[in-house]
């Protein structure tokens, strides 16, 4: 059975300031592109493994 979802805690003071500072910094376009390529390669590798496994079964 699923657990109930708790309310999101409210942040105040330095915790709130730190959170806002952290989310305002975005990775560069190059970093995002590199991450997308890494994910795509991982998915391709996974799909290759799945197809090989299916072929053996």
C-alpha atoms as a PDB file:
ATOM      1  CA  UNK A   1       0.000   0.000   0.000  1.00  0.00           C
ATOM      2  CA  UNK A   2       1.257   3.482  -0.815  1.00  0.00           C
ATOM      3  CA  UNK A   3       2.435   5.820   1.884  1.00  0.00           C
ATOM      4  CA  UNK A   4       0.522   9.061   2.369  1.00  0.00           C
ATOM      5  CA  UNK A   5       2.176  12.154   0.921  1.00  0.00           C
ATOM      6  CA  UNK A   6       3.365  14.592   3.559  1.00  0.00           C
ATOM      7  CA  UNK A   7       3.070  18.363   3.230  1.00  0.00           C
ATOM      8  CA  UNK A   8       6.091  20.156   1.818  1.00  0.00           C
ATOM      9  CA  UNK A   9       7.918  21.949   4.620  1.00  0.00           C
ATOM     10  CA  UNK A  10       8.193  25.738   4.459  1.00  0.00           C
ATOM     11  CA  UNK A  11      11.699  27.190   4.432  1.00  0.00           C
ATOM     12  CA  UNK A  12      12.589  30.350   6.329  1.00  0.00           C
ATOM     13  CA  UNK A  13      15.679  32.453   6.881  1.00  0.00           C
ATOM     14  CA  UNK A  14      19.049  31.184   5.712  1.00  0.00           C
ATOM     15  CA  UNK A  15      17.579  27.862   4.550  1.00  0.00           C
ATOM     16  CA  UNK A  16      15.224  29.708   2.202  1.00  0.00           C
ATOM     17  CA  UNK A  17      17.990  31.984   0.931  1.00  0.00           C
ATOM     18  CA  UNK A  18      20.300  29.025   0.284  1.00  0.00           C
ATOM     19  CA  UNK A  19      17.547  27.116  -1.523  1.00  0.00           C
ATOM     20  CA  UNK A  20      16.747  30.091  -3.775  1.00  0.00           C
ATOM     21  CA  UNK A  21      20.443  30.610  -4.540  1.00  0.00           C
ATOM     22  CA  UNK A  22      20.892  26.930  -5.462  1.00  0.00           C
ATOM     23  CA  UNK A  23      17.910  26.764  -7.824  1.00  0.00           C
ATOM     24  CA  UNK A  24      18.790  30.038  -9.543  1.00  0.00           C
ATOM     25  CA  UNK A  25      22.104  28.624 -10.851  1.00  0.00           C
ATOM     26  CA  UNK A  26      21.501  26.803 -14.119  1.00  0.00           C
ATOM     27  CA  UNK A  27      24.045  24.569 -15.831  1.00  0.00           C
ATOM     28  CA  UNK A  28      25.468  25.928 -19.074  1.00  0.00           C
ATOM     29  CA  UNK A  29      24.003  24.904 -22.413  1.00  0.00           C
ATOM     30  CA  UNK A  30      27.118  22.822 -23.058  1.00  0.00           C
ATOM     31  CA  UNK A  31      26.714  20.950 -19.754  1.00  0.00           C
ATOM     32  CA  UNK A  32      23.040  20.265 -20.496  1.00  0.00           C
ATOM     33  CA  UNK A  33      23.918  19.006 -23.990  1.00  0.00           C
ATOM     34  CA  UNK A  34      26.644  16.752 -22.567  1.00  0.00           C
ATOM     35  CA  UNK A  35      24.215  15.342 -20.010  1.00  0.00           C
ATOM     36  CA  UNK A  36      21.573  14.687 -22.699  1.00  0.00           C
ATOM     37  CA  UNK A  37      24.161  12.848 -24.805  1.00  0.00           C
ATOM     38  CA  UNK A  38      25.261  10.772 -21.792  1.00  0.00           C
ATOM     39  CA  UNK A  39      21.662   9.800 -21.071  1.00  0.00           C
ATOM     40  CA  UNK A  40      21.033   8.949 -24.726  1.00  0.00           C
ATOM     41  CA  UNK A  41      24.105   6.704 -24.802  1.00  0.00           C
ATOM     42  CA  UNK A  42      22.988   4.958 -21.610  1.00  0.00           C
ATOM     43  CA  UNK A  43      19.516   4.346 -23.020  1.00  0.00           C
ATOM     44  CA  UNK A  44      20.977   2.996 -26.263  1.00  0.00           C
ATOM     45  CA  UNK A  45      23.256   0.640 -24.328  1.00  0.00           C
ATOM     46  CA  UNK A  46      20.352  -0.528 -22.186  1.00  0.00           C
ATOM     47  CA  UNK A  47      18.151  -1.163 -25.226  1.00  0.00           C
ATOM     48  CA  UNK A  48      20.963  -3.172 -26.833  1.00  0.00           C
ATOM     49  CA  UNK A  49      21.235  -5.323 -23.695  1.00  0.00           C
ATOM     50  CA  UNK A  50      17.473  -5.876 -23.617  1.00  0.00           C
ATOM     51  CA  UNK A  51      17.352  -6.879 -27.278  1.00  0.00           C
ATOM     52  CA  UNK A  52      20.247  -9.331 -26.775  1.00  0.00           C
ATOM     53  CA  UNK A  53      18.486 -10.842 -23.767  1.00  0.00           C
ATOM     54  CA  UNK A  54      15.245 -11.236 -25.715  1.00  0.00           C
ATOM     55  CA  UNK A  55      17.118 -12.896 -28.580  1.00  0.00           C
ATOM     56  CA  UNK A  56      18.583 -15.491 -26.192  1.00  0.00           C
ATOM     57  CA  UNK A  57      15.209 -16.301 -24.620  1.00  0.00           C
END
